[in-house]
PDB file of all heavy atoms in Angstrom:
ATOM      1  N   ILE A   1      27.481  57.403  -5.674  1.00  0.00           N
ATOM      2  CA  ILE A   1      28.652  56.934  -6.419  1.00  0.00           C
ATOM      3  C   ILE A   1      29.468  58.079  -7.015  1.00  0.00           C
ATOM      4  O   ILE A   1      30.703  58.057  -6.953  1.00  0.00           O
ATOM      5  CB  ILE A   1      28.208  55.931  -7.509  1.00  0.00           C
ATOM      6  CG1 ILE A   1      27.485  54.724  -6.870  1.00  0.00           C
ATOM      7  CG2 ILE A   1      29.375  55.457  -8.339  1.00  0.00           C
ATOM      8  CD1 ILE A   1      28.288  53.975  -5.826  1.00  0.00           C
ATOM      9  N   ASP A   2      28.808  59.084  -7.595  1.00  0.00           N
ATOM     10  CA  ASP A   2      29.547  60.192  -8.217  1.00  0.00           C
ATOM     11  C   ASP A   2      30.389  60.941  -7.188  1.00  0.00           C
ATOM     12  O   ASP A   2      31.544  61.295  -7.447  1.00  0.00           O
ATOM     13  CB  ASP A   2      28.593  61.167  -8.917  1.00  0.00           C
ATOM     14  CG  ASP A   2      27.978  60.548 -10.165  1.00  0.00           C
ATOM     15  OD1 ASP A   2      28.603  59.644 -10.736  1.00  0.00           O
ATOM     16  OD2 ASP A   2      26.873  60.971 -10.565  1.00  0.00           O
ATOM     17  N   GLU A   3      29.796  61.169  -6.003  1.00  0.00           N
ATOM     18  CA  GLU A   3      30.537  61.867  -4.945  1.00  0.00           C
ATOM     19  C   GLU A   3      31.699  61.010  -4.439  1.00  0.00           C
ATOM     20  O   GLU A   3      32.795  61.521  -4.190  1.00  0.00           O
ATOM     21  CB  GLU A   3      29.602  62.216  -3.778  1.00  0.00           C
ATOM     22  CG  GLU A   3      28.618  63.319  -4.124  1.00  0.00           C
ATOM     23  CD  GLU A   3      27.521  63.446  -3.083  1.00  0.00           C
ATOM     24  OE1 GLU A   3      26.560  62.648  -3.132  1.00  0.00           O
ATOM     25  OE2 GLU A   3      27.643  64.326  -2.220  1.00  0.00           O
ATOM     26  N   ALA A   4      31.463  59.701  -4.309  1.00  0.00           N
ATOM     27  CA  ALA A   4      32.527  58.789  -3.877  1.00  0.00           C
ATOM     28  C   ALA A   4      33.695  58.859  -4.857  1.00  0.00           C
ATOM     29  O   ALA A   4      34.853  58.981  -4.452  1.00  0.00           O
ATOM     30  CB  ALA A   4      31.992  57.357  -3.787  1.00  0.00           C
ATOM     31  N   LEU A   5      33.372  58.839  -6.145  1.00  0.00           N
ATOM     32  CA  LEU A   5      34.408  58.890  -7.172  1.00  0.00           C
ATOM     33  C   LEU A   5      35.184  60.208  -7.105  1.00  0.00           C
ATOM     34  O   LEU A   5      36.414  60.216  -7.196  1.00  0.00           O
ATOM     35  CB  LEU A   5      33.784  58.706  -8.560  1.00  0.00           C
ATOM     36  CG  LEU A   5      34.766  58.658  -9.730  1.00  0.00           C
ATOM     37  CD1 LEU A   5      35.756  57.509  -9.582  1.00  0.00           C
ATOM     38  CD2 LEU A   5      34.000  58.538 -11.046  1.00  0.00           C
ATOM     39  N   ASP A   6      34.472  61.331  -6.902  1.00  0.00           N
ATOM     40  CA  ASP A   6      35.135  62.641  -6.801  1.00  0.00           C
ATOM     41  C   ASP A   6      36.197  62.648  -5.701  1.00  0.00           C
ATOM     42  O   ASP A   6      37.328  63.082  -5.927  1.00  0.00           O
ATOM     43  CB  ASP A   6      34.120  63.760  -6.500  1.00  0.00           C
ATOM     44  CG  ASP A   6      33.328  64.150  -7.731  1.00  0.00           C
ATOM     45  OD1 ASP A   6      33.733  63.773  -8.847  1.00  0.00           O
ATOM     46  OD2 ASP A   6      32.298  64.843  -7.569  1.00  0.00           O
ATOM     47  N   PHE A   7      35.818  62.165  -4.515  1.00  0.00           N
ATOM     48  CA  PHE A   7      36.761  62.191  -3.389  1.00  0.00           C
ATOM     49  C   PHE A   7      37.926  61.233  -3.608  1.00  0.00           C
ATOM     50  O   PHE A   7      39.065  61.543  -3.267  1.00  0.00           O
ATOM     51  CB  PHE A   7      36.041  61.911  -2.067  1.00  0.00           C
ATOM     52  CG  PHE A   7      35.277  63.098  -1.577  1.00  0.00           C
ATOM     53  CD1 PHE A   7      33.906  63.153  -1.684  1.00  0.00           C
ATOM     54  CD2 PHE A   7      35.941  64.194  -1.033  1.00  0.00           C
ATOM     55  CE1 PHE A   7      33.190  64.273  -1.254  1.00  0.00           C
ATOM     56  CE2 PHE A   7      35.246  65.318  -0.605  1.00  0.00           C
ATOM     57  CZ  PHE A   7      33.870  65.353  -0.715  1.00  0.00           C
ATOM     58  N   LEU A   8      37.647  60.074  -4.199  1.00  0.00           N
ATOM     59  CA  LEU A   8      38.735  59.118  -4.442  1.00  0.00           C
ATOM     60  C   LEU A   8      39.690  59.617  -5.529  1.00  0.00           C
ATOM     61  O   LEU A   8      40.890  59.386  -5.444  1.00  0.00           O
ATOM     62  CB  LEU A   8      38.154  57.741  -4.786  1.00  0.00           C
ATOM     63  CG  LEU A   8      37.510  57.035  -3.586  1.00  0.00           C
ATOM     64  CD1 LEU A   8      36.660  55.859  -4.025  1.00  0.00           C
ATOM     65  CD2 LEU A   8      38.553  56.590  -2.577  1.00  0.00           C
ATOM     66  N   LEU A   9      39.162  60.328  -6.520  1.00  0.00           N
ATOM     67  CA  LEU A   9      40.039  60.902  -7.550  1.00  0.00           C
ATOM     68  C   LEU A   9      40.909  62.019  -6.966  1.00  0.00           C
ATOM     69  O   LEU A   9      42.084  62.167  -7.333  1.00  0.00           O
ATOM     70  CB  LEU A   9      39.226  61.413  -8.740  1.00  0.00           C
ATOM     71  CG  LEU A   9      38.628  60.312  -9.639  1.00  0.00           C
ATOM     72  CD1 LEU A   9      37.663  60.907 -10.653  1.00  0.00           C
ATOM     73  CD2 LEU A   9      39.719  59.502 -10.335  1.00  0.00           C
ATOM     74  N   LYS A  10      40.333  62.815  -6.041  1.00  0.00           N
ATOM     75  CA  LYS A  10      41.134  63.843  -5.351  1.00  0.00           C
ATOM     76  C   LYS A  10      42.270  63.172  -4.578  1.00  0.00           C
ATOM     77  O   LYS A  10      43.409  63.636  -4.592  1.00  0.00           O
ATOM     78  CB  LYS A  10      40.269  64.634  -4.369  1.00  0.00           C
ATOM     79  CG  LYS A  10      39.426  65.716  -5.013  1.00  0.00           C
ATOM     80  CD  LYS A  10      38.593  66.433  -3.970  1.00  0.00           C
ATOM     81  CE  LYS A  10      37.533  67.280  -4.657  1.00  0.00           C
ATOM     82  NZ  LYS A  10      36.507  67.756  -3.747  1.00  0.00           N
ATOM     83  N   LEU A  11      41.935  62.083  -3.901  1.00  0.00           N
ATOM     84  CA  LEU A  11      42.937  61.364  -3.122  1.00  0.00           C
ATOM     85  C   LEU A  11      43.996  60.758  -4.037  1.00  0.00           C
ATOM     86  O   LEU A  11      45.185  60.761  -3.715  1.00  0.00           O
ATOM     87  CB  LEU A  11      42.266  60.278  -2.275  1.00  0.00           C
ATOM     88  CG  LEU A  11      43.160  59.510  -1.327  1.00  0.00           C
ATOM     89  CD1 LEU A  11      43.932  60.434  -0.401  1.00  0.00           C
ATOM     90  CD2 LEU A  11      42.347  58.515  -0.517  1.00  0.00           C
ATOM     91  N   HIS A  12      43.573  60.272  -5.203  1.00  0.00           N
ATOM     92  CA  HIS A  12      44.519  59.697  -6.169  1.00  0.00           C
ATOM     93  C   HIS A  12      45.547  60.751  -6.612  1.00  0.00           C
ATOM     94  O   HIS A  12      46.722  60.427  -6.826  1.00  0.00           O
ATOM     95  CB  HIS A  12      43.768  59.138  -7.379  1.00  0.00           C
ATOM     96  CG  HIS A  12      44.670  58.660  -8.469  1.00  0.00           C
ATOM     97  ND1 HIS A  12      45.536  57.598  -8.308  1.00  0.00           N
ATOM     98  CD2 HIS A  12      44.872  59.115  -9.727  1.00  0.00           C
ATOM     99  CE1 HIS A  12      46.214  57.421  -9.422  1.00  0.00           C
ATOM    100  NE2 HIS A  12      45.836  58.331 -10.301  1.00  0.00           N
ATOM    101  N   ALA A  13      45.112  62.002  -6.719  1.00  0.00           N
ATOM    102  CA  ALA A  13      46.039  63.076  -7.089  1.00  0.00           C
ATOM    103  C   ALA A  13      47.115  63.272  -6.010  1.00  0.00           C
ATOM    104  O   ALA A  13      48.252  63.627  -6.315  1.00  0.00           O
ATOM    105  CB  ALA A  13      45.273  64.378  -7.317  1.00  0.00           C
ATOM    106  N   ILE A  14      46.741  63.010  -4.738  1.00  0.00           N
ATOM    107  CA  ILE A  14      47.692  63.153  -3.628  1.00  0.00           C
ATOM    108  C   ILE A  14      48.554  61.891  -3.485  1.00  0.00           C
ATOM    109  O   ILE A  14      49.754  61.973  -3.251  1.00  0.00           O
ATOM    110  CB  ILE A  14      46.938  63.425  -2.299  1.00  0.00           C
ATOM    111  CG1 ILE A  14      46.117  64.709  -2.399  1.00  0.00           C
ATOM    112  CG2 ILE A  14      47.906  63.518  -1.129  1.00  0.00           C
ATOM    113  CD1 ILE A  14      45.109  64.888  -1.275  1.00  0.00           C
ATOM    114  N   LEU A  15      47.918  60.723  -3.629  1.00  0.00           N
ATOM    115  CA  LEU A  15      48.603  59.427  -3.460  1.00  0.00           C
ATOM    116  C   LEU A  15      48.463  58.604  -4.741  1.00  0.00           C
ATOM    117  O   LEU A  15      47.650  57.675  -4.805  1.00  0.00           O
ATOM    118  CB  LEU A  15      47.991  58.647  -2.287  1.00  0.00           C
ATOM    119  CG  LEU A  15      47.977  59.305  -0.918  1.00  0.00           C
ATOM    120  CD1 LEU A  15      47.144  58.494   0.069  1.00  0.00           C
ATOM    121  CD2 LEU A  15      49.390  59.480  -0.382  1.00  0.00           C
ATOM    122  N   PRO A  16      49.220  58.938  -5.793  1.00  0.00           N
ATOM    123  CA  PRO A  16      49.012  58.284  -7.089  1.00  0.00           C
ATOM    124  C   PRO A  16      49.308  56.787  -7.112  1.00  0.00           C
ATOM    125  O   PRO A  16      48.799  56.077  -7.973  1.00  0.00           O
ATOM    126  CB  PRO A  16      49.944  59.048  -8.036  1.00  0.00           C
ATOM    127  CG  PRO A  16      50.942  59.713  -7.166  1.00  0.00           C
ATOM    128  CD  PRO A  16      50.284  59.935  -5.841  1.00  0.00           C
ATOM    129  N   ASN A  17      50.106  56.282  -6.174  1.00  0.00           N
ATOM    130  CA  ASN A  17      50.458  54.857  -6.186  1.00  0.00           C
ATOM    131  C   ASN A  17      49.824  54.071  -5.047  1.00  0.00           C
ATOM    132  O   ASN A  17      50.311  52.998  -4.690  1.00  0.00           O
ATOM    133  CB  ASN A  17      51.983  54.692  -6.149  1.00  0.00           C
ATOM    134  CG  ASN A  17      52.618  55.198  -7.418  1.00  0.00           C
ATOM    135  OD1 ASN A  17      52.086  54.996  -8.506  1.00  0.00           O
ATOM    136  ND2 ASN A  17      53.740  55.877  -7.294  1.00  0.00           N
ATOM    137  N   SER A  18      48.738  54.580  -4.499  1.00  0.00           N
ATOM    138  CA  SER A  18      48.065  53.856  -3.416  1.00  0.00           C
ATOM    139  C   SER A  18      47.207  52.738  -4.000  1.00  0.00           C
ATOM    140  O   SER A  18      46.254  52.993  -4.741  1.00  0.00           O
ATOM    141  CB  SER A  18      47.190  54.811  -2.603  1.00  0.00           C
ATOM    142  OG  SER A  18      46.329  54.064  -1.768  1.00  0.00           O
ATOM    143  N   ALA A  19      47.558  51.492  -3.653  1.00  0.00           N
ATOM    144  CA  ALA A  19      46.827  50.337  -4.176  1.00  0.00           C
ATOM    145  C   ALA A  19      45.359  50.379  -3.766  1.00  0.00           C
ATOM    146  O   ALA A  19      44.468  50.098  -4.577  1.00  0.00           O
ATOM    147  CB  ALA A  19      47.477  49.047  -3.682  1.00  0.00           C
ATOM    148  N   GLN A  20      45.082  50.779  -2.497  1.00  0.00           N
ATOM    149  CA  GLN A  20      43.692  50.813  -2.025  1.00  0.00           C
ATOM    150  C   GLN A  20      42.856  51.810  -2.817  1.00  0.00           C
ATOM    151  O   GLN A  20      41.716  51.533  -3.176  1.00  0.00           O
ATOM    152  CB  GLN A  20      43.628  51.174  -0.531  1.00  0.00           C
ATOM    153  CG  GLN A  20      44.201  50.136   0.385  1.00  0.00           C
ATOM    154  CD  GLN A  20      45.675  50.393   0.691  1.00  0.00           C
ATOM    155  OE1 GLN A  20      46.387  51.007  -0.097  1.00  0.00           O
ATOM    156  NE2 GLN A  20      46.137  49.903   1.818  1.00  0.00           N
ATOM    157  N   VAL A  21      43.438  52.973  -3.102  1.00  0.00           N
ATOM    158  CA  VAL A  21      42.710  54.017  -3.828  1.00  0.00           C
ATOM    159  C   VAL A  21      42.440  53.558  -5.256  1.00  0.00           C
ATOM    160  O   VAL A  21      41.316  53.682  -5.755  1.00  0.00           O
ATOM    161  CB  VAL A  21      43.486  55.356  -3.813  1.00  0.00           C
ATOM    162  CG1 VAL A  21      42.782  56.404  -4.659  1.00  0.00           C
ATOM    163  CG2 VAL A  21      43.652  55.846  -2.383  1.00  0.00           C
ATOM    164  N   LEU A  22      43.443  53.009  -5.920  1.00  0.00           N
ATOM    165  CA  LEU A  22      43.274  52.513  -7.289  1.00  0.00           C
ATOM    166  C   LEU A  22      42.184  51.441  -7.341  1.00  0.00           C
ATOM    167  O   LEU A  22      41.335  51.441  -8.236  1.00  0.00           O
ATOM    168  CB  LEU A  22      44.599  51.953  -7.820  1.00  0.00           C
ATOM    169  CG  LEU A  22      45.705  52.979  -8.077  1.00  0.00           C
ATOM    170  CD1 LEU A  22      47.046  52.288  -8.294  1.00  0.00           C
ATOM    171  CD2 LEU A  22      45.366  53.870  -9.264  1.00  0.00           C
ATOM    172  N   TYR A  23      42.212  50.539  -6.349  1.00  0.00           N
ATOM    173  CA  TYR A  23      41.204  49.467  -6.313  1.00  0.00           C
ATOM    174  C   TYR A  23      39.793  50.033  -6.146  1.00  0.00           C
ATOM    175  O   TYR A  23      38.856  49.618  -6.828  1.00  0.00           O
ATOM    176  CB  TYR A  23      41.508  48.469  -5.193  1.00  0.00           C
ATOM    177  CG  TYR A  23      40.482  47.371  -5.134  1.00  0.00           C
ATOM    178  CD1 TYR A  23      40.572  46.278  -5.988  1.00  0.00           C
ATOM    179  CD2 TYR A  23      39.396  47.445  -4.261  1.00  0.00           C
ATOM    180  CE1 TYR A  23      39.617  45.285  -5.975  1.00  0.00           C
ATOM    181  CE2 TYR A  23      38.430  46.450  -4.245  1.00  0.00           C
ATOM    182  CZ  TYR A  23      38.549  45.373  -5.107  1.00  0.00           C
ATOM    183  OH  TYR A  23      37.591  44.399  -5.101  1.00  0.00           O
ATOM    184  N   GLN A  24      39.636  50.998  -5.231  1.00  0.00           N
ATOM    185  CA  GLN A  24      38.308  51.572  -4.985  1.00  0.00           C
ATOM    186  C   GLN A  24      37.782  52.317  -6.208  1.00  0.00           C
ATOM    187  O   GLN A  24      36.590  52.248  -6.518  1.00  0.00           O
ATOM    188  CB  GLN A  24      38.340  52.502  -3.763  1.00  0.00           C
ATOM    189  CG  GLN A  24      38.512  51.789  -2.434  1.00  0.00           C
ATOM    190  CD  GLN A  24      37.409  50.789  -2.138  1.00  0.00           C
ATOM    191  OE1 GLN A  24      36.267  50.922  -2.598  1.00  0.00           O
ATOM    192  NE2 GLN A  24      37.729  49.776  -1.358  1.00  0.00           N
ATOM    193  N   ILE A  25      38.669  53.025  -6.915  1.00  0.00           N
ATOM    194  CA  ILE A  25      38.238  53.735  -8.125  1.00  0.00           C
ATOM    195  C   ILE A  25      37.773  52.722  -9.176  1.00  0.00           C
ATOM    196  O   ILE A  25      36.719  52.900  -9.804  1.00  0.00           O
ATOM    197  CB  ILE A  25      39.364  54.647  -8.664  1.00  0.00           C
ATOM    198  CG1 ILE A  25      39.629  55.797  -7.683  1.00  0.00           C
ATOM    199  CG2 ILE A  25      38.998  55.205 -10.040  1.00  0.00           C
ATOM    200  CD1 ILE A  25      40.857  56.638  -7.990  1.00  0.00           C
ATOM    201  N   ALA A  26      38.546  51.652  -9.358  1.00  0.00           N
ATOM    202  CA  ALA A  26      38.151  50.601 -10.310  1.00  0.00           C
ATOM    203  C   ALA A  26      36.809  49.998  -9.910  1.00  0.00           C
ATOM    204  O   ALA A  26      35.925  49.785 -10.755  1.00  0.00           O
ATOM    205  CB  ALA A  26      39.225  49.518 -10.372  1.00  0.00           C
ATOM    206  N   SER A  27      36.636  49.755  -8.623  1.00  0.00           N
ATOM    207  CA  SER A  27      35.392  49.175  -8.110  1.00  0.00           C
ATOM    208  C   SER A  27      34.193  50.085  -8.394  1.00  0.00           C
ATOM    209  O   SER A  27      33.113  49.624  -8.768  1.00  0.00           O
ATOM    210  CB  SER A  27      35.541  48.931  -6.604  1.00  0.00           C
ATOM    211  OG  SER A  27      34.320  48.612  -6.019  1.00  0.00           O
ATOM    212  N   ILE A  28      34.402  51.397  -8.245  1.00  0.00           N
ATOM    213  CA  ILE A  28      33.317  52.342  -8.502  1.00  0.00           C
ATOM    214  C   ILE A  28      32.955  52.351  -9.982  1.00  0.00           C
ATOM    215  O   ILE A  28      31.769  52.360 -10.345  1.00  0.00           O
ATOM    216  CB  ILE A  28      33.677  53.749  -7.974  1.00  0.00           C
ATOM    217  CG1 ILE A  28      33.532  53.740  -6.453  1.00  0.00           C
ATOM    218  CG2 ILE A  28      32.797  54.824  -8.602  1.00  0.00           C
ATOM    219  CD1 ILE A  28      33.959  54.983  -5.753  1.00  0.00           C
ATOM    220  N   TYR A  29      33.956  52.304 -10.858  1.00  0.00           N
ATOM    221  CA  TYR A  29      33.653  52.248 -12.298  1.00  0.00           C
ATOM    222  C   TYR A  29      32.914  50.958 -12.641  1.00  0.00           C
ATOM    223  O   TYR A  29      32.063  50.944 -13.526  1.00  0.00           O
ATOM    224  CB  TYR A  29      34.918  52.402 -13.136  1.00  0.00           C
ATOM    225  CG  TYR A  29      35.305  53.851 -13.331  1.00  0.00           C
ATOM    226  CD1 TYR A  29      36.496  54.355 -12.833  1.00  0.00           C
ATOM    227  CD2 TYR A  29      34.448  54.732 -14.009  1.00  0.00           C
ATOM    228  CE1 TYR A  29      36.838  55.695 -13.004  1.00  0.00           C
ATOM    229  CE2 TYR A  29      34.784  56.066 -14.179  1.00  0.00           C
ATOM    230  CZ  TYR A  29      35.982  56.537 -13.680  1.00  0.00           C
ATOM    231  OH  TYR A  29      36.296  57.860 -13.854  1.00  0.00           O
ATOM    232  N   GLU A  30      33.224  49.891 -11.918  1.00  0.00           N
ATOM    233  CA  GLU A  30      32.504  48.633 -12.137  1.00  0.00           C
ATOM    234  C   GLU A  30      31.037  48.788 -11.731  1.00  0.00           C
ATOM    235  O   GLU A  30      30.133  48.345 -12.439  1.00  0.00           O
ATOM    236  CB  GLU A  30      33.175  47.519 -11.325  1.00  0.00           C
ATOM    237  CG  GLU A  30      33.012  46.159 -11.932  1.00  0.00           C
ATOM    238  CD  GLU A  30      33.756  45.074 -11.162  1.00  0.00           C
ATOM    239  OE1 GLU A  30      34.671  45.384 -10.383  1.00  0.00           O
ATOM    240  OE2 GLU A  30      33.384  43.915 -11.352  1.00  0.00           O
ATOM    241  N   ILE A  31      30.797  49.449 -10.590  1.00  0.00           N
ATOM    242  CA  ILE A  31      29.421  49.709 -10.142  1.00  0.00           C
ATOM    243  C   ILE A  31      28.693  50.580 -11.164  1.00  0.00           C
ATOM    244  O   ILE A  31      27.503  50.391 -11.425  1.00  0.00           O
ATOM    245  CB  ILE A  31      29.425  50.399  -8.753  1.00  0.00           C
ATOM    246  CG1 ILE A  31      29.923  49.435  -7.678  1.00  0.00           C
ATOM    247  CG2 ILE A  31      28.044  50.930  -8.387  1.00  0.00           C
ATOM    248  CD1 ILE A  31      30.273  50.092  -6.353  1.00  0.00           C
ATOM    249  N   MET A  32      29.429  51.548 -11.753  1.00  0.00           N
ATOM    250  CA  MET A  32      28.843  52.444 -12.758  1.00  0.00           C
ATOM    251  C   MET A  32      28.665  51.764 -14.118  1.00  0.00           C
ATOM    252  O   MET A  32      28.233  52.380 -15.077  1.00  0.00           O
ATOM    253  CB  MET A  32      29.722  53.691 -12.926  1.00  0.00           C
ATOM    254  CG  MET A  32      29.796  54.561 -11.697  1.00  0.00           C
ATOM    255  SD  MET A  32      31.092  55.810 -11.815  1.00  0.00           S
ATOM    256  CE  MET A  32      30.216  57.148 -12.603  1.00  0.00           C
ATOM    257  N   GLU A  33      29.021  50.476 -14.180  1.00  0.00           N
ATOM    258  CA  GLU A  33      28.931  49.677 -15.402  1.00  0.00           C
ATOM    259  C   GLU A  33      29.744  50.290 -16.541  1.00  0.00           C
ATOM    260  O   GLU A  33      29.285  50.417 -17.673  1.00  0.00           O
ATOM    261  CB  GLU A  33      27.462  49.454 -15.802  1.00  0.00           C
ATOM    262  CG  GLU A  33      26.707  48.661 -14.754  1.00  0.00           C
ATOM    263  CD  GLU A  33      25.240  48.446 -15.087  1.00  0.00           C
ATOM    264  OE1 GLU A  33      24.782  48.949 -16.128  1.00  0.00           O
ATOM    265  OE2 GLU A  33      24.567  47.773 -14.283  1.00  0.00           O
ATOM    266  N   ASP A  34      30.972  50.681 -16.192  1.00  0.00           N
ATOM    267  CA  ASP A  34      31.925  51.187 -17.180  1.00  0.00           C
ATOM    268  C   ASP A  34      33.156  50.277 -17.130  1.00  0.00           C
ATOM    269  O   ASP A  34      34.180  50.616 -16.525  1.00  0.00           O
ATOM    270  CB  ASP A  34      32.296  52.646 -16.848  1.00  0.00           C
ATOM    271  CG  ASP A  34      33.136  53.294 -17.933  1.00  0.00           C
ATOM    272  OD1 ASP A  34      33.717  52.550 -18.766  1.00  0.00           O
ATOM    273  OD2 ASP A  34      33.244  54.532 -17.939  1.00  0.00           O
ATOM    274  N   PRO A  35      33.054  49.071 -17.777  1.00  0.00           N
ATOM    275  CA  PRO A  35      34.138  48.095 -17.652  1.00  0.00           C
ATOM    276  C   PRO A  35      35.472  48.578 -18.219  1.00  0.00           C
ATOM    277  O   PRO A  35      36.531  48.220 -17.705  1.00  0.00           O
ATOM    278  CB  PRO A  35      33.624  46.870 -18.417  1.00  0.00           C
ATOM    279  CG  PRO A  35      32.533  47.380 -19.290  1.00  0.00           C
ATOM    280  CD  PRO A  35      31.961  48.578 -18.609  1.00  0.00           C
ATOM    281  N   ASN A  36      35.438  49.413 -19.257  1.00  0.00           N
ATOM    282  CA  ASN A  36      36.699  49.880 -19.844  1.00  0.00           C
ATOM    283  C   ASN A  36      37.490  50.721 -18.846  1.00  0.00           C
ATOM    284  O   ASN A  36      38.706  50.568 -18.716  1.00  0.00           O
ATOM    285  CB  ASN A  36      36.442  50.676 -21.134  1.00  0.00           C
ATOM    286  CG  ASN A  36      35.921  49.771 -22.235  1.00  0.00           C
ATOM    287  OD1 ASN A  36      36.266  48.595 -22.296  1.00  0.00           O
ATOM    288  ND2 ASN A  36      35.067  50.311 -23.089  1.00  0.00           N
ATOM    289  N   GLN A  37      36.787  51.629 -18.133  1.00  0.00           N
ATOM    290  CA  GLN A  37      37.465  52.424 -17.109  1.00  0.00           C
ATOM    291  C   GLN A  37      37.926  51.540 -15.955  1.00  0.00           C
ATOM    292  O   GLN A  37      39.021  51.728 -15.421  1.00  0.00           O
ATOM    293  CB  GLN A  37      36.534  53.532 -16.581  1.00  0.00           C
ATOM    294  CG  GLN A  37      36.478  54.753 -17.461  1.00  0.00           C
ATOM    295  CD  GLN A  37      37.807  55.488 -17.525  1.00  0.00           C
ATOM    296  OE1 GLN A  37      38.536  55.592 -16.545  1.00  0.00           O
ATOM    297  NE2 GLN A  37      38.146  55.980 -18.696  1.00  0.00           N
ATOM    298  N   ALA A  38      37.086  50.584 -15.563  1.00  0.00           N
ATOM    299  CA  ALA A  38      37.461  49.664 -14.474  1.00  0.00           C
ATOM    300  C   ALA A  38      38.745  48.923 -14.849  1.00  0.00           C
ATOM    301  O   ALA A  38      39.669  48.809 -14.031  1.00  0.00           O
ATOM    302  CB  ALA A  38      36.331  48.680 -14.191  1.00  0.00           C
ATOM    303  N   ILE A  39      38.826  48.449 -16.094  1.00  0.00           N
ATOM    304  CA  ILE A  39      40.020  47.739 -16.561  1.00  0.00           C
ATOM    305  C   ILE A  39      41.235  48.669 -16.524  1.00  0.00           C
ATOM    306  O   ILE A  39      42.313  48.283 -16.056  1.00  0.00           O
ATOM    307  CB  ILE A  39      39.784  47.159 -17.980  1.00  0.00           C
ATOM    308  CG1 ILE A  39      38.842  45.949 -17.894  1.00  0.00           C
ATOM    309  CG2 ILE A  39      41.105  46.768 -18.638  1.00  0.00           C
ATOM    310  CD1 ILE A  39      38.335  45.446 -19.239  1.00  0.00           C
ATOM    311  N   GLU A  40      41.061  49.910 -17.003  1.00  0.00           N
ATOM    312  CA  GLU A  40      42.171  50.877 -17.002  1.00  0.00           C
ATOM    313  C   GLU A  40      42.757  51.048 -15.599  1.00  0.00           C
ATOM    314  O   GLU A  40      43.972  51.046 -15.407  1.00  0.00           O
ATOM    315  CB  GLU A  40      41.699  52.237 -17.520  1.00  0.00           C
ATOM    316  CG  GLU A  40      41.544  52.326 -19.024  1.00  0.00           C
ATOM    317  CD  GLU A  40      42.846  52.085 -19.771  1.00  0.00           C
ATOM    318  OE1 GLU A  40      43.875  52.675 -19.388  1.00  0.00           O
ATOM    319  OE2 GLU A  40      42.841  51.286 -20.719  1.00  0.00           O
TER     320      GLU A  40
END
Protein backbone atom coordinates (compact mmCIF):
# COMPACT_ATOMS: atom_id res chain seq x y z
CA ILE A 1 0.00 0.00 0.00
CA ASP A 2 2.74 2.53 0.87
CA GLU A 3 4.47 1.99 -2.48
CA ALA A 4 1.14 2.21 -4.33
CA LEU A 5 0.43 5.52 -2.61
CA ASP A 6 3.92 6.87 -3.49
CA PHE A 7 3.46 6.22 -7.21
CA LEU A 8 -0.09 7.58 -7.28
CA LEU A 9 0.99 10.76 -5.47
CA LYS A 10 3.80 11.21 -8.04
CA LEU A 11 1.21 10.81 -10.78
CA HIS A 12 -1.10 13.29 -9.03
CA ALA A 13 1.70 15.88 -9.24
CA ILE A 14 1.75 15.36 -13.04
CA LEU A 15 -2.05 15.03 -13.52
CA PRO A 16 -3.63 17.03 -10.66
CA ASN A 17 -7.19 16.81 -12.06
CA SER A 18 -7.29 13.14 -13.02
CA ALA A 19 -10.47 11.65 -11.55
CA GLN A 20 -9.03 8.10 -11.65
CA VAL A 21 -5.90 9.12 -9.74
CA LEU A 22 -7.85 11.05 -7.10
CA TYR A 23 -10.19 8.08 -6.65
CA GLN A 24 -7.33 5.58 -6.26
CA ILE A 25 -5.56 7.78 -3.69
CA ALA A 26 -8.80 8.08 -1.68
CA SER A 27 -9.28 4.31 -1.95
CA ILE A 28 -5.77 3.68 -0.62
CA TYR A 29 -6.34 5.97 2.37
CA GLU A 30 -9.54 4.03 3.03
CA ILE A 31 -7.55 0.76 3.00
CA MET A 32 -5.05 2.42 5.38
CA GLU A 33 -8.03 3.20 7.67
CA ASP A 34 -7.47 6.95 7.44
CA PRO A 35 -11.04 8.18 6.76
CA ASN A 36 -10.16 11.88 7.11
CA GLN A 37 -7.60 11.67 4.29
CA ALA A 38 -9.98 9.53 2.21
CA ILE A 39 -12.67 12.21 2.64
CA GLU A 40 -10.20 14.98 1.69
